[in-house]
Amino acid sequence: MYARATFTIPQADKVTELGLWVDYADGLVVHVNGHEVARSNVGRSTGRNVQGVKVREDAGFVYLPLGSAHKHLVDGVNVLAIECHAHSEGGIDFGLDARLWMED
């Protein structure tokens, strides 16, 4: 599953940190303006070619820093895309709840 949202930043060069507070099962790959900036519980590749999706053992929200995201931000409208993957052995337990967090 893919989730996509836009967000607006008046001055991108003032952003010092960007991250997600996210509750998910089981793996995800995060993109900002088309650039991968984070992944969790996903081994290699993206899309239907993804490999190594692991079961997320814990539950609830965790903070996921979006590392190099500030390099890809632009003044004005930006796009956050989250690629979600479920571990398929023994049934599918799937969910996503994400909140973007920014510090300037």
C-alpha atoms as a PDB file:
ATOM      1  CA  MET A   1       0.000   0.000   0.000  1.00  0.00           C
ATOM      2  CA  TYR A   2       1.148   3.530  -0.684  1.00  0.00           C
ATOM      3  CA  ALA A   3       0.106   6.595   1.297  1.00  0.00           C
ATOM      4  CA  ARG A   4       0.867  10.063   0.024  1.00  0.00           C
ATOM      5  CA  ALA A   5       0.321  13.546   1.437  1.00  0.00           C
ATOM      6  CA  THR A   6       1.505  17.047   0.688  1.00  0.00           C
ATOM      7  CA  PHE A   7       2.799  19.528   3.237  1.00  0.00           C
ATOM      8  CA  THR A   8       3.902  23.130   2.888  1.00  0.00           C
ATOM      9  CA  ILE A   9       7.100  24.678   4.203  1.00  0.00           C
ATOM     10  CA  PRO A  10       7.583  28.441   3.804  1.00  0.00           C
ATOM     11  CA  GLN A  11      11.401  28.292   4.121  1.00  0.00           C
ATOM     12  CA  ALA A  12      12.894  24.836   3.583  1.00  0.00           C
ATOM     13  CA  ASP A  13      16.416  25.928   4.540  1.00  0.00           C
ATOM     14  CA  LYS A  14      15.209  26.674   8.092  1.00  0.00           C
ATOM     15  CA  VAL A  15      14.200  23.027   8.781  1.00  0.00           C
ATOM     16  CA  THR A  16      16.667  21.364  11.163  1.00  0.00           C
ATOM     17  CA  GLU A  17      14.867  18.045  11.631  1.00  0.00           C
ATOM     18  CA  LEU A  18      12.050  16.133   9.986  1.00  0.00           C
ATOM     19  CA  GLY A  19      10.602  12.902  11.308  1.00  0.00           C
ATOM     20  CA  LEU A  20       7.538  10.707  11.626  1.00  0.00           C
ATOM     21  CA  TRP A  21       5.690   9.562  14.695  1.00  0.00           C
ATOM     22  CA  VAL A  22       4.369   6.361  13.190  1.00  0.00           C
ATOM     23  CA  ASP A  23       2.477   3.233  14.199  1.00  0.00           C
ATOM     24  CA  TYR A  24       2.744   0.570  11.531  1.00  0.00           C
ATOM     25  CA  ALA A  25       2.756  -3.138  10.724  1.00  0.00           C
ATOM     26  CA  ASP A  26       5.065  -4.468   9.433  1.00  0.00           C
ATOM     27  CA  GLY A  27       7.549  -2.543   7.264  1.00  0.00           C
ATOM     28  CA  LEU A  28       7.763   0.785   5.510  1.00  0.00           C
ATOM     29  CA  VAL A  29       9.868   2.878   3.151  1.00  0.00           C
ATOM     30  CA  VAL A  30       9.545   6.680   3.377  1.00  0.00           C
ATOM     31  CA  HIS A  31      10.151   9.142   0.536  1.00  0.00           C
ATOM     32  CA  VAL A  32      10.244  12.941   0.498  1.00  0.00           C
ATOM     33  CA  ASN A  33       9.860  14.552  -2.914  1.00  0.00           C
ATOM     34  CA  GLY A  34      10.763  11.259  -4.607  1.00  0.00           C
ATOM     35  CA  HIS A  35      13.895  10.533  -2.533  1.00  0.00           C
ATOM     36  CA  GLU A  36      14.106   7.662  -0.068  1.00  0.00           C
ATOM     37  CA  VAL A  37      14.828   9.056   3.394  1.00  0.00           C
ATOM     38  CA  ALA A  38      14.066   6.150   5.768  1.00  0.00           C
ATOM     39  CA  ARG A  39      13.075   2.502   5.967  1.00  0.00           C
ATOM     40  CA  SER A  40      12.150   0.148   8.754  1.00  0.00           C
ATOM     41  CA  ASN A  41      11.785  -3.653   8.710  1.00  0.00           C
ATOM     42  CA  VAL A  42      12.363  -3.784   4.945  1.00  0.00           C
ATOM     43  CA  GLY A  43      15.573  -5.359   3.671  1.00  0.00           C
ATOM     44  CA  ARG A  44      16.112  -4.438   0.048  1.00  0.00           C
ATOM     45  CA  SER A  45      14.434  -2.870  -2.939  1.00  0.00           C
ATOM     46  CA  THR A  46      11.032  -1.193  -3.143  1.00  0.00           C
ATOM     47  CA  GLY A  47       7.570  -1.789  -4.574  1.00  0.00           C
ATOM     48  CA  ARG A  48       6.649  -5.307  -5.632  1.00  0.00           C
ATOM     49  CA  ASN A  49      10.357  -6.259  -5.694  1.00  0.00           C
ATOM     50  CA  VAL A  50      10.829  -5.627  -1.978  1.00  0.00           C
ATOM     51  CA  GLN A  51      12.718  -8.301  -0.040  1.00  0.00           C
ATOM     52  CA  GLY A  52      13.216  -9.075   3.614  1.00  0.00           C
ATOM     53  CA  VAL A  53      10.056  -7.661   5.185  1.00  0.00           C
ATOM     54  CA  LYS A  54      10.214  -8.486   8.891  1.00  0.00           C
ATOM     55  CA  VAL A  55       7.452  -8.723  11.455  1.00  0.00           C
ATOM     56  CA  ARG A  56       7.304  -5.698  13.716  1.00  0.00           C
ATOM     57  CA  GLU A  57       7.354  -7.156  17.211  1.00  0.00           C
ATOM     58  CA  ASP A  58       6.448  -4.026  19.194  1.00  0.00           C
ATOM     59  CA  ALA A  59       3.288  -1.954  18.914  1.00  0.00           C
ATOM     60  CA  GLY A  60       2.374   1.693  19.162  1.00  0.00           C
ATOM     61  CA  PHE A  61       3.960   4.885  17.932  1.00  0.00           C
ATOM     62  CA  VAL A  62       7.715   5.193  17.441  1.00  0.00           C
ATOM     63  CA  TYR A  63       9.757   8.141  16.242  1.00  0.00           C
ATOM     64  CA  LEU A  64      11.415   7.573  12.870  1.00  0.00           C
ATOM     65  CA  PRO A  65      13.925  10.308  11.960  1.00  0.00           C
ATOM     66  CA  LEU A  66      13.904  11.131   8.265  1.00  0.00           C
ATOM     67  CA  GLY A  67      17.681  11.542   8.067  1.00  0.00           C
ATOM     68  CA  SER A  68      18.556  13.320   4.866  1.00  0.00           C
ATOM     69  CA  ALA A  69      15.027  14.611   4.163  1.00  0.00           C
ATOM     70  CA  HIS A  70      16.039  18.248   4.753  1.00  0.00           C
ATOM     71  CA  LYS A  71      18.294  18.022   1.654  1.00  0.00           C
ATOM     72  CA  HIS A  72      15.260  17.313  -0.534  1.00  0.00           C
ATOM     73  CA  LEU A  73      12.819  19.875   0.831  1.00  0.00           C
ATOM     74  CA  VAL A  74      11.727  22.842  -1.260  1.00  0.00           C
ATOM     75  CA  ASP A  75      10.064  26.125  -0.363  1.00  0.00           C
ATOM     76  CA  GLY A  76       6.309  25.620  -0.755  1.00  0.00           C
ATOM     77  CA  VAL A  77       4.584  22.288  -1.377  1.00  0.00           C
ATOM     78  CA  ASN A  78       6.462  19.035  -0.640  1.00  0.00           C
ATOM     79  CA  VAL A  79       5.331  15.413  -0.979  1.00  0.00           C
ATOM     80  CA  LEU A  80       5.619  12.717   1.703  1.00  0.00           C
ATOM     81  CA  ALA A  81       5.093   9.168   0.409  1.00  0.00           C
ATOM     82  CA  ILE A  82       5.066   6.055   2.579  1.00  0.00           C
ATOM     83  CA  GLU A  83       5.346   2.608   1.034  1.00  0.00           C
ATOM     84  CA  CYS A  84       3.878   0.020   3.435  1.00  0.00           C
ATOM     85  CA  HIS A  85       4.588  -3.709   3.465  1.00  0.00           C
ATOM     86  CA  ALA A  86       3.088  -6.575   5.434  1.00  0.00           C
ATOM     87  CA  HIS A  87       4.988  -9.702   6.436  1.00  0.00           C
ATOM     88  CA  SER A  88       2.917 -12.455   4.861  1.00  0.00           C
ATOM     89  CA  GLU A  89       3.687 -15.633   6.829  1.00  0.00           C
ATOM     90  CA  GLY A  90       0.763 -16.793   8.945  1.00  0.00           C
ATOM     91  CA  GLY A  91      -1.690 -14.120   7.863  1.00  0.00           C
ATOM     92  CA  ILE A  92      -1.607 -10.400   7.339  1.00  0.00           C
ATOM     93  CA  ASP A  93      -1.817  -7.869  10.157  1.00  0.00           C
ATOM     94  CA  PHE A  94      -1.521  -4.485   8.529  1.00  0.00           C
ATOM     95  CA  GLY A  95      -1.869  -0.870   9.598  1.00  0.00           C
ATOM     96  CA  LEU A  96      -0.438   2.625   9.237  1.00  0.00           C
ATOM     97  CA  ASP A  97      -0.907   5.797  11.282  1.00  0.00           C
ATOM     98  CA  ALA A  98       1.723   8.491  10.630  1.00  0.00           C
ATOM     99  CA  ARG A  99       2.222  12.056  11.855  1.00  0.00           C
ATOM    100  CA  LEU A 100       4.855  14.307  10.355  1.00  0.00           C
ATOM    101  CA  TRP A 101       7.028  16.219  12.824  1.00  0.00           C
ATOM    102  CA  MET A 102       9.237  19.150  11.881  1.00  0.00           C
ATOM    103  CA  GLU A 103      11.611  21.373  13.820  1.00  0.00           C
ATOM    104  CA  ASP A 104      13.051  24.649  12.580  1.00  0.00           C
END
